[in-house]
Amino acid sequence: WFRQAPGKEREGVSCISGTDSQIYYGDSVKDRFTI
């Protein structure tokens, strides 16, 4: 998942592995978003 606000670069939000063993969150959404 990525997001982009006007005038800003596209930012990585979260990623989930195809093996369901690895999940990552961007620092700005950690502990608030769940993939």
PDB file of all heavy atoms in Angstrom:
ATOM      1  N   TRP A   1       0.853  -1.185   0.000  1.00  0.00           N
ATOM      2  CA  TRP A   1       0.000   0.000   0.000  1.00  0.00           C
ATOM      3  C   TRP A   1       0.891   1.236   0.000  1.00  0.00           C
ATOM      4  O   TRP A   1       1.846   1.324   0.782  1.00  0.00           O
ATOM      5  CB  TRP A   1      -0.914   0.048   1.223  1.00  0.00           C
ATOM      6  CG  TRP A   1      -2.115  -0.838   1.147  1.00  0.00           C
ATOM      7  CD1 TRP A   1      -2.264  -2.082   1.674  1.00  0.00           C
ATOM      8  CD2 TRP A   1      -3.364  -0.519   0.518  1.00  0.00           C
ATOM      9  NE1 TRP A   1      -3.517  -2.565   1.413  1.00  0.00           N
ATOM     10  CE2 TRP A   1      -4.215  -1.625   0.708  1.00  0.00           C
ATOM     11  CE3 TRP A   1      -3.843   0.590  -0.184  1.00  0.00           C
ATOM     12  CZ2 TRP A   1      -5.526  -1.668   0.217  1.00  0.00           C
ATOM     13  CZ3 TRP A   1      -5.147   0.556  -0.678  1.00  0.00           C
ATOM     14  CH2 TRP A   1      -5.963  -0.555  -0.476  1.00  0.00           C
ATOM     15  N   PHE A   2       0.581   2.174  -0.868  1.00  0.00           N
ATOM     16  CA  PHE A   2       1.265   3.450  -0.953  1.00  0.00           C
ATOM     17  C   PHE A   2       0.241   4.567  -0.869  1.00  0.00           C
ATOM     18  O   PHE A   2      -0.945   4.350  -1.096  1.00  0.00           O
ATOM     19  CB  PHE A   2       2.051   3.574  -2.266  1.00  0.00           C
ATOM     20  CG  PHE A   2       3.206   2.628  -2.400  1.00  0.00           C
ATOM     21  CD1 PHE A   2       3.009   1.301  -2.747  1.00  0.00           C
ATOM     22  CD2 PHE A   2       4.506   3.066  -2.181  1.00  0.00           C
ATOM     23  CE1 PHE A   2       4.065   0.428  -2.873  1.00  0.00           C
ATOM     24  CE2 PHE A   2       5.578   2.201  -2.310  1.00  0.00           C
ATOM     25  CZ  PHE A   2       5.358   0.889  -2.651  1.00  0.00           C
ATOM     26  N   ARG A   3       0.714   5.763  -0.568  1.00  0.00           N
ATOM     27  CA  ARG A   3      -0.164   6.925  -0.585  1.00  0.00           C
ATOM     28  C   ARG A   3       0.586   8.128  -1.112  1.00  0.00           C
ATOM     29  O   ARG A   3       1.808   8.219  -1.006  1.00  0.00           O
ATOM     30  CB  ARG A   3      -0.734   7.220   0.810  1.00  0.00           C
ATOM     31  CG  ARG A   3       0.293   7.665   1.842  1.00  0.00           C
ATOM     32  CD  ARG A   3      -0.348   7.772   3.216  1.00  0.00           C
ATOM     33  NE  ARG A   3       0.573   8.288   4.217  1.00  0.00           N
ATOM     34  CZ  ARG A   3       0.300   8.373   5.505  1.00  0.00           C
ATOM     35  NH1 ARG A   3      -0.896   7.973   5.961  1.00  0.00           N
ATOM     36  NH2 ARG A   3       1.201   8.864   6.350  1.00  0.00           N
ATOM     37  N   GLN A   4      -0.163   9.060  -1.686  1.00  0.00           N
ATOM     38  CA  GLN A   4       0.437  10.265  -2.234  1.00  0.00           C
ATOM     39  C   GLN A   4      -0.500  11.443  -2.020  1.00  0.00           C
ATOM     40  O   GLN A   4      -1.645  11.423  -2.465  1.00  0.00           O
ATOM     41  CB  GLN A   4       0.743  10.100  -3.725  1.00  0.00           C
ATOM     42  CG  GLN A   4       1.545  11.243  -4.312  1.00  0.00           C
ATOM     43  CD  GLN A   4       2.120  10.906  -5.672  1.00  0.00           C
ATOM     44  OE1 GLN A   4       1.595  10.056  -6.385  1.00  0.00           O
ATOM     45  NE2 GLN A   4       3.208  11.562  -6.027  1.00  0.00           N
ATOM     46  N   ALA A   5       0.009  12.450  -1.334  1.00  0.00           N
ATOM     47  CA  ALA A   5      -0.715  13.693  -1.114  1.00  0.00           C
ATOM     48  C   ALA A   5      -0.250  14.724  -2.130  1.00  0.00           C
ATOM     49  O   ALA A   5       0.869  14.635  -2.652  1.00  0.00           O
ATOM     50  CB  ALA A   5      -0.490  14.197   0.305  1.00  0.00           C
ATOM     51  N   PRO A   6      -1.074  15.730  -2.427  1.00  0.00           N
ATOM     52  CA  PRO A   6      -0.677  16.755  -3.393  1.00  0.00           C
ATOM     53  C   PRO A   6       0.646  17.412  -3.023  1.00  0.00           C
ATOM     54  O   PRO A   6       0.852  17.815  -1.877  1.00  0.00           O
ATOM     55  CB  PRO A   6      -1.830  17.759  -3.334  1.00  0.00           C
ATOM     56  CG  PRO A   6      -3.001  16.944  -2.904  1.00  0.00           C
ATOM     57  CD  PRO A   6      -2.444  15.934  -1.937  1.00  0.00           C
ATOM     58  N   GLY A   7       1.551  17.496  -3.993  1.00  0.00           N
ATOM     59  CA  GLY A   7       2.834  18.131  -3.774  1.00  0.00           C
ATOM     60  C   GLY A   7       3.857  17.291  -3.035  1.00  0.00           C
ATOM     61  O   GLY A   7       4.950  17.790  -2.751  1.00  0.00           O
ATOM     62  N   LYS A   8       3.534  16.045  -2.716  1.00  0.00           N
ATOM     63  CA  LYS A   8       4.449  15.185  -1.990  1.00  0.00           C
ATOM     64  C   LYS A   8       4.758  13.927  -2.793  1.00  0.00           C
ATOM     65  O   LYS A   8       4.016  13.543  -3.691  1.00  0.00           O
ATOM     66  CB  LYS A   8       3.861  14.794  -0.633  1.00  0.00           C
ATOM     67  CG  LYS A   8       3.653  15.962   0.320  1.00  0.00           C
ATOM     68  CD  LYS A   8       3.169  15.486   1.674  1.00  0.00           C
ATOM     69  CE  LYS A   8       3.011  16.646   2.644  1.00  0.00           C
ATOM     70  NZ  LYS A   8       2.543  16.173   3.979  1.00  0.00           N
ATOM     71  N   GLU A   9       5.882  13.289  -2.452  1.00  0.00           N
ATOM     72  CA  GLU A   9       6.265  12.049  -3.097  1.00  0.00           C
ATOM     73  C   GLU A   9       5.385  10.903  -2.626  1.00  0.00           C
ATOM     74  O   GLU A   9       4.809  10.944  -1.540  1.00  0.00           O
ATOM     75  CB  GLU A   9       7.734  11.730  -2.814  1.00  0.00           C
ATOM     76  CG  GLU A   9       8.714  12.718  -3.405  1.00  0.00           C
ATOM     77  CD  GLU A   9      10.154  12.306  -3.170  1.00  0.00           C
ATOM     78  OE1 GLU A   9      10.391  11.367  -2.381  1.00  0.00           O
ATOM     79  OE2 GLU A   9      11.045  12.915  -3.782  1.00  0.00           O
ATOM     80  N   ARG A  10       5.288   9.869  -3.460  1.00  0.00           N
ATOM     81  CA  ARG A  10       4.552   8.681  -3.071  1.00  0.00           C
ATOM     82  C   ARG A  10       5.259   7.985  -1.914  1.00  0.00           C
ATOM     83  O   ARG A  10       6.466   7.743  -1.961  1.00  0.00           O
ATOM     84  CB  ARG A  10       4.407   7.745  -4.264  1.00  0.00           C
ATOM     85  CG  ARG A  10       3.467   6.571  -4.020  1.00  0.00           C
ATOM     86  CD  ARG A  10       3.025   5.927  -5.324  1.00  0.00           C
ATOM     87  NE  ARG A  10       2.241   6.844  -6.143  1.00  0.00           N
ATOM     88  CZ  ARG A  10       1.609   6.500  -7.260  1.00  0.00           C
ATOM     89  NH1 ARG A  10       1.666   5.249  -7.696  1.00  0.00           N
ATOM     90  NH2 ARG A  10       0.934   7.409  -7.949  1.00  0.00           N
ATOM     91  N   GLU A  11       4.498   7.658  -0.877  1.00  0.00           N
ATOM     92  CA  GLU A  11       5.028   7.152   0.376  1.00  0.00           C
ATOM     93  C   GLU A  11       4.581   5.717   0.611  1.00  0.00           C
ATOM     94  O   GLU A  11       3.396   5.403   0.477  1.00  0.00           O
ATOM     95  CB  GLU A  11       4.555   8.044   1.532  1.00  0.00           C
ATOM     96  CG  GLU A  11       4.938   7.555   2.917  1.00  0.00           C
ATOM     97  CD  GLU A  11       4.277   8.359   4.018  1.00  0.00           C
ATOM     98  OE1 GLU A  11       3.322   9.106   3.724  1.00  0.00           O
ATOM     99  OE2 GLU A  11       4.731   8.258   5.180  1.00  0.00           O
ATOM    100  N   GLY A  12       5.508   4.854   0.981  1.00  0.00           N
ATOM    101  CA  GLY A  12       5.164   3.495   1.341  1.00  0.00           C
ATOM    102  C   GLY A  12       4.432   3.444   2.667  1.00  0.00           C
ATOM    103  O   GLY A  12       4.863   4.046   3.651  1.00  0.00           O
ATOM    104  N   VAL A  13       3.322   2.714   2.721  1.00  0.00           N
ATOM    105  CA  VAL A  13       2.480   2.621   3.907  1.00  0.00           C
ATOM    106  C   VAL A  13       2.617   1.265   4.584  1.00  0.00           C
ATOM    107  O   VAL A  13       2.839   1.179   5.795  1.00  0.00           O
ATOM    108  CB  VAL A  13       1.007   2.897   3.557  1.00  0.00           C
ATOM    109  CG1 VAL A  13       0.106   2.684   4.775  1.00  0.00           C
ATOM    110  CG2 VAL A  13       0.840   4.308   3.011  1.00  0.00           C
ATOM    111  N   SER A  14       2.471   0.197   3.805  1.00  0.00           N
ATOM    112  CA  SER A  14       2.517  -1.146   4.367  1.00  0.00           C
ATOM    113  C   SER A  14       2.751  -2.151   3.253  1.00  0.00           C
ATOM    114  O   SER A  14       2.458  -1.881   2.087  1.00  0.00           O
ATOM    115  CB  SER A  14       1.212  -1.469   5.104  1.00  0.00           C
ATOM    116  OG  SER A  14       1.287  -2.733   5.757  1.00  0.00           O
ATOM    117  N   CYS A  15       3.272  -3.320   3.617  1.00  0.00           N
ATOM    118  CA  CYS A  15       3.472  -4.403   2.659  1.00  0.00           C
ATOM    119  C   CYS A  15       3.281  -5.730   3.377  1.00  0.00           C
ATOM    120  O   CYS A  15       3.719  -5.888   4.520  1.00  0.00           O
ATOM    121  CB  CYS A  15       4.859  -4.335   2.031  1.00  0.00           C
ATOM    122  SG  CYS A  15       5.142  -5.554   0.717  1.00  0.00           S
ATOM    123  N   ILE A  16       2.629  -6.666   2.702  1.00  0.00           N
ATOM    124  CA  ILE A  16       2.430  -8.003   3.242  1.00  0.00           C
ATOM    125  C   ILE A  16       2.982  -9.017   2.255  1.00  0.00           C
ATOM    126  O   ILE A  16       2.709  -8.951   1.055  1.00  0.00           O
ATOM    127  CB  ILE A  16       0.948  -8.269   3.571  1.00  0.00           C
ATOM    128  CG1 ILE A  16       0.771  -9.647   4.217  1.00  0.00           C
ATOM    129  CG2 ILE A  16       0.061  -8.138   2.332  1.00  0.00           C
ATOM    130  CD1 ILE A  16      -0.616  -9.858   4.818  1.00  0.00           C
ATOM    131  N   SER A  17       3.759  -9.962   2.758  1.00  0.00           N
ATOM    132  CA  SER A  17       4.407 -10.961   1.920  1.00  0.00           C
ATOM    133  C   SER A  17       3.415 -11.969   1.379  1.00  0.00           C
ATOM    134  O   SER A  17       2.388 -12.257   1.995  1.00  0.00           O
ATOM    135  CB  SER A  17       5.485 -11.682   2.738  1.00  0.00           C
ATOM    136  OG  SER A  17       5.969 -12.823   2.063  1.00  0.00           O
ATOM    137  N   GLY A  18       3.732 -12.535   0.217  1.00  0.00           N
ATOM    138  CA  GLY A  18       2.924 -13.607  -0.338  1.00  0.00           C
ATOM    139  C   GLY A  18       2.952 -14.872   0.486  1.00  0.00           C
ATOM    140  O   GLY A  18       2.078 -15.722   0.357  1.00  0.00           O
ATOM    141  N   THR A  19       3.955 -15.011   1.349  1.00  0.00           N
ATOM    142  CA  THR A  19       4.057 -16.153   2.260  1.00  0.00           C
ATOM    143  C   THR A  19       3.332 -15.907   3.575  1.00  0.00           C
ATOM    144  O   THR A  19       3.264 -16.801   4.408  1.00  0.00           O
ATOM    145  CB  THR A  19       5.522 -16.474   2.550  1.00  0.00           C
ATOM    146  OG1 THR A  19       6.120 -15.397   3.273  1.00  0.00           O
ATOM    147  CG2 THR A  19       6.295 -16.716   1.267  1.00  0.00           C
ATOM    148  N   ASP A  20       2.805 -14.696   3.767  1.00  0.00           N
ATOM    149  CA  ASP A  20       2.139 -14.278   5.003  1.00  0.00           C
ATOM    150  C   ASP A  20       3.064 -14.312   6.214  1.00  0.00           C
ATOM    151  O   ASP A  20       2.601 -14.363   7.355  1.00  0.00           O
ATOM    152  CB  ASP A  20       0.901 -15.121   5.280  1.00  0.00           C
ATOM    153  CG  ASP A  20      -0.217 -14.863   4.306  1.00  0.00           C
ATOM    154  OD1 ASP A  20      -0.378 -13.699   3.880  1.00  0.00           O
ATOM    155  OD2 ASP A  20      -0.948 -15.821   3.977  1.00  0.00           O
ATOM    156  N   SER A  21       4.374 -14.274   5.972  1.00  0.00           N
ATOM    157  CA  SER A  21       5.337 -14.338   7.062  1.00  0.00           C
ATOM    158  C   SER A  21       6.032 -13.013   7.338  1.00  0.00           C
ATOM    159  O   SER A  21       6.711 -12.880   8.363  1.00  0.00           O
ATOM    160  CB  SER A  21       6.386 -15.414   6.779  1.00  0.00           C
ATOM    161  OG  SER A  21       7.128 -15.105   5.615  1.00  0.00           O
ATOM    162  N   GLN A  22       5.871 -12.041   6.445  1.00  0.00           N
ATOM    163  CA  GLN A  22       6.536 -10.756   6.603  1.00  0.00           C
ATOM    164  C   GLN A  22       5.532  -9.618   6.397  1.00  0.00           C
ATOM    165  O   GLN A  22       4.822  -9.595   5.393  1.00  0.00           O
ATOM    166  CB  GLN A  22       7.681 -10.607   5.606  1.00  0.00           C
ATOM    167  CG  GLN A  22       8.776 -11.657   5.755  1.00  0.00           C
ATOM    168  CD  GLN A  22       9.584 -11.468   7.027  1.00  0.00           C
ATOM    169  OE1 GLN A  22       9.758 -10.352   7.501  1.00  0.00           O
ATOM    170  NE2 GLN A  22      10.072 -12.573   7.576  1.00  0.00           N
ATOM    171  N   ILE A  23       5.496  -8.697   7.339  1.00  0.00           N
ATOM    172  CA  ILE A  23       4.647  -7.509   7.272  1.00  0.00           C
ATOM    173  C   ILE A  23       5.483  -6.297   7.652  1.00  0.00           C
ATOM    174  O   ILE A  23       6.236  -6.335   8.629  1.00  0.00           O
ATOM    175  CB  ILE A  23       3.417  -7.637   8.188  1.00  0.00           C
ATOM    176  CG1 ILE A  23       2.470  -8.730   7.671  1.00  0.00           C
ATOM    177  CG2 ILE A  23       2.689  -6.309   8.290  1.00  0.00           C
ATOM    178  CD1 ILE A  23       1.282  -8.982   8.561  1.00  0.00           C
ATOM    179  N   TYR A  24       5.335  -5.218   6.893  1.00  0.00           N
ATOM    180  CA  TYR A  24       6.067  -3.982   7.146  1.00  0.00           C
ATOM    181  C   TYR A  24       5.098  -2.813   7.170  1.00  0.00           C
ATOM    182  O   TYR A  24       4.085  -2.796   6.458  1.00  0.00           O
ATOM    183  CB  TYR A  24       7.126  -3.741   6.066  1.00  0.00           C
ATOM    184  CG  TYR A  24       8.182  -4.819   5.986  1.00  0.00           C
ATOM    185  CD1 TYR A  24       8.039  -5.886   5.110  1.00  0.00           C
ATOM    186  CD2 TYR A  24       9.315  -4.759   6.786  1.00  0.00           C
ATOM    187  CE1 TYR A  24       8.996  -6.876   5.036  1.00  0.00           C
ATOM    188  CE2 TYR A  24      10.282  -5.750   6.713  1.00  0.00           C
ATOM    189  CZ  TYR A  24      10.117  -6.804   5.843  1.00  0.00           C
ATOM    190  OH  TYR A  24      11.074  -7.788   5.762  1.00  0.00           O
ATOM    191  N   TYR A  25       5.429  -1.816   7.998  1.00  0.00           N
ATOM    192  CA  TYR A  25       4.666  -0.583   8.074  1.00  0.00           C
ATOM    193  C   TYR A  25       5.605   0.611   8.009  1.00  0.00           C
ATOM    194  O   TYR A  25       6.710   0.576   8.551  1.00  0.00           O
ATOM    195  CB  TYR A  25       3.861  -0.487   9.367  1.00  0.00           C
ATOM    196  CG  TYR A  25       2.793  -1.542   9.515  1.00  0.00           C
ATOM    197  CD1 TYR A  25       3.001  -2.655  10.318  1.00  0.00           C
ATOM    198  CD2 TYR A  25       1.572  -1.418   8.857  1.00  0.00           C
ATOM    199  CE1 TYR A  25       2.025  -3.623  10.459  1.00  0.00           C
ATOM    200  CE2 TYR A  25       0.596  -2.386   8.986  1.00  0.00           C
ATOM    201  CZ  TYR A  25       0.826  -3.490   9.788  1.00  0.00           C
ATOM    202  OH  TYR A  25      -0.154  -4.449   9.926  1.00  0.00           O
ATOM    203  N   GLY A  26       5.150   1.660   7.346  1.00  0.00           N
ATOM    204  CA  GLY A  26       5.879   2.902   7.408  1.00  0.00           C
ATOM    205  C   GLY A  26       5.836   3.476   8.811  1.00  0.00           C
ATOM    206  O   GLY A  26       4.885   3.267   9.561  1.00  0.00           O
ATOM    207  N   ASP A  27       6.888   4.220   9.172  1.00  0.00           N
ATOM    208  CA  ASP A  27       6.987   4.748  10.530  1.00  0.00           C
ATOM    209  C   ASP A  27       5.794   5.627  10.905  1.00  0.00           C
ATOM    210  O   ASP A  27       5.366   5.639  12.064  1.00  0.00           O
ATOM    211  CB  ASP A  27       8.283   5.544  10.692  1.00  0.00           C
ATOM    212  CG  ASP A  27       9.519   4.666  10.670  1.00  0.00           C
ATOM    213  OD1 ASP A  27       9.394   3.443  10.898  1.00  0.00           O
ATOM    214  OD2 ASP A  27      10.614   5.208  10.433  1.00  0.00           O
ATOM    215  N   SER A  28       5.248   6.355   9.954  1.00  0.00           N
ATOM    216  CA  SER A  28       4.180   7.290  10.248  1.00  0.00           C
ATOM    217  C   SER A  28       2.843   6.619  10.543  1.00  0.00           C
ATOM    218  O   SER A  28       1.938   7.259  11.079  1.00  0.00           O
ATOM    219  CB  SER A  28       4.005   8.285   9.087  1.00  0.00           C
ATOM    220  OG  SER A  28       3.618   7.617   7.902  1.00  0.00           O
ATOM    221  N   VAL A  29       2.693   5.329  10.212  1.00  0.00           N
ATOM    222  CA  VAL A  29       1.422   4.640  10.425  1.00  0.00           C
ATOM    223  C   VAL A  29       1.549   3.465  11.380  1.00  0.00           C
ATOM    224  O   VAL A  29       0.538   2.815  11.700  1.00  0.00           O
ATOM    225  CB  VAL A  29       0.810   4.154   9.092  1.00  0.00           C
ATOM    226  CG1 VAL A  29       0.690   5.301   8.103  1.00  0.00           C
ATOM    227  CG2 VAL A  29       1.629   3.015   8.492  1.00  0.00           C
ATOM    228  N   LYS A  30       2.743   3.192  11.840  1.00  0.00           N
ATOM    229  CA  LYS A  30       2.974   2.076  12.745  1.00  0.00           C
ATOM    230  C   LYS A  30       2.091   2.194  13.988  1.00  0.00           C
ATOM    231  O   LYS A  30       1.949   3.255  14.568  1.00  0.00           O
ATOM    232  CB  LYS A  30       4.453   2.040  13.141  1.00  0.00           C
ATOM    233  CG  LYS A  30       4.851   0.852  13.991  1.00  0.00           C
ATOM    234  CD  LYS A  30       6.335   0.889  14.315  1.00  0.00           C
ATOM    235  CE  LYS A  30       6.763  -0.286  15.166  1.00  0.00           C
ATOM    236  NZ  LYS A  30       8.216  -0.234  15.486  1.00  0.00           N
ATOM    237  N   ASP A  31       1.488   1.089  14.387  1.00  0.00           N
ATOM    238  CA  ASP A  31       0.610   0.964  15.556  1.00  0.00           C
ATOM    239  C   ASP A  31      -0.776   1.559  15.332  1.00  0.00           C
ATOM    240  O   ASP A  31      -1.615   1.519  16.239  1.00  0.00           O
ATOM    241  CB  ASP A  31       1.232   1.581  16.808  1.00  0.00           C
ATOM    242  CG  ASP A  31       2.527   0.912  17.222  1.00  0.00           C
ATOM    243  OD1 ASP A  31       2.634  -0.322  17.050  1.00  0.00           O
ATOM    244  OD2 ASP A  31       3.424   1.613  17.718  1.00  0.00           O
ATOM    245  N   ARG A  32      -1.032   2.099  14.148  1.00  0.00           N
ATOM    246  CA  ARG A  32      -2.355   2.633  13.833  1.00  0.00           C
ATOM    247  C   ARG A  32      -3.024   1.885  12.680  1.00  0.00           C
ATOM    248  O   ARG A  32      -4.252   1.773  12.658  1.00  0.00           O
ATOM    249  CB  ARG A  32      -2.278   4.123  13.479  1.00  0.00           C
ATOM    250  CG  ARG A  32      -1.785   4.993  14.622  1.00  0.00           C
ATOM    251  CD  ARG A  32      -1.941   6.477  14.284  1.00  0.00           C
ATOM    252  NE  ARG A  32      -1.137   6.858  13.132  1.00  0.00           N
ATOM    253  CZ  ARG A  32      -1.639   7.358  11.998  1.00  0.00           C
ATOM    254  NH1 ARG A  32      -2.956   7.548  11.879  1.00  0.00           N
ATOM    255  NH2 ARG A  32      -0.837   7.693  11.002  1.00  0.00           N
ATOM    256  N   PHE A  33      -2.236   1.400  11.722  1.00  0.00           N
ATOM    257  CA  PHE A  33      -2.761   0.694  10.553  1.00  0.00           C
ATOM    258  C   PHE A  33      -2.458  -0.791  10.661  1.00  0.00           C
ATOM    259  O   PHE A  33      -1.440  -1.191  11.230  1.00  0.00           O
ATOM    260  CB  PHE A  33      -2.128   1.231   9.261  1.00  0.00           C
ATOM    261  CG  PHE A  33      -2.532   2.634   8.882  1.00  0.00           C
ATOM    262  CD1 PHE A  33      -3.254   3.444   9.743  1.00  0.00           C
ATOM    263  CD2 PHE A  33      -2.180   3.139   7.639  1.00  0.00           C
ATOM    264  CE1 PHE A  33      -3.617   4.730   9.394  1.00  0.00           C
ATOM    265  CE2 PHE A  33      -2.533   4.421   7.273  1.00  0.00           C
ATOM    266  CZ  PHE A  33      -3.251   5.220   8.146  1.00  0.00           C
ATOM    267  N   THR A  34      -3.323  -1.618  10.069  1.00  0.00           N
ATOM    268  CA  THR A  34      -3.129  -3.056  10.056  1.00  0.00           C
ATOM    269  C   THR A  34      -3.429  -3.596   8.664  1.00  0.00           C
ATOM    270  O   THR A  34      -4.516  -3.361   8.131  1.00  0.00           O
ATOM    271  CB  THR A  34      -4.026  -3.764  11.078  1.00  0.00           C
ATOM    272  OG1 THR A  34      -3.768  -3.250  12.393  1.00  0.00           O
ATOM    273  CG2 THR A  34      -3.753  -5.265  11.074  1.00  0.00           C
ATOM    274  N   ILE A  35      -2.475  -4.318   8.087  1.00  0.00           N
ATOM    275  CA  ILE A  35      -2.667  -4.936   6.782  1.00  0.00           C
ATOM    276  C   ILE A  35      -2.984  -6.415   6.976  1.00  0.00           C
ATOM    277  O   ILE A  35      -2.441  -7.065   7.866  1.00  0.00           O
ATOM    278  CB  ILE A  35      -1.424  -4.743   5.884  1.00  0.00           C
ATOM    279  CG1 ILE A  35      -1.712  -5.165   4.443  1.00  0.00           C
ATOM    280  CG2 ILE A  35      -0.221  -5.491   6.435  1.00  0.00           C
ATOM    281  CD1 ILE A  35      -0.600  -4.790   3.466  1.00  0.00           C
TER     282      ILE A  35
END
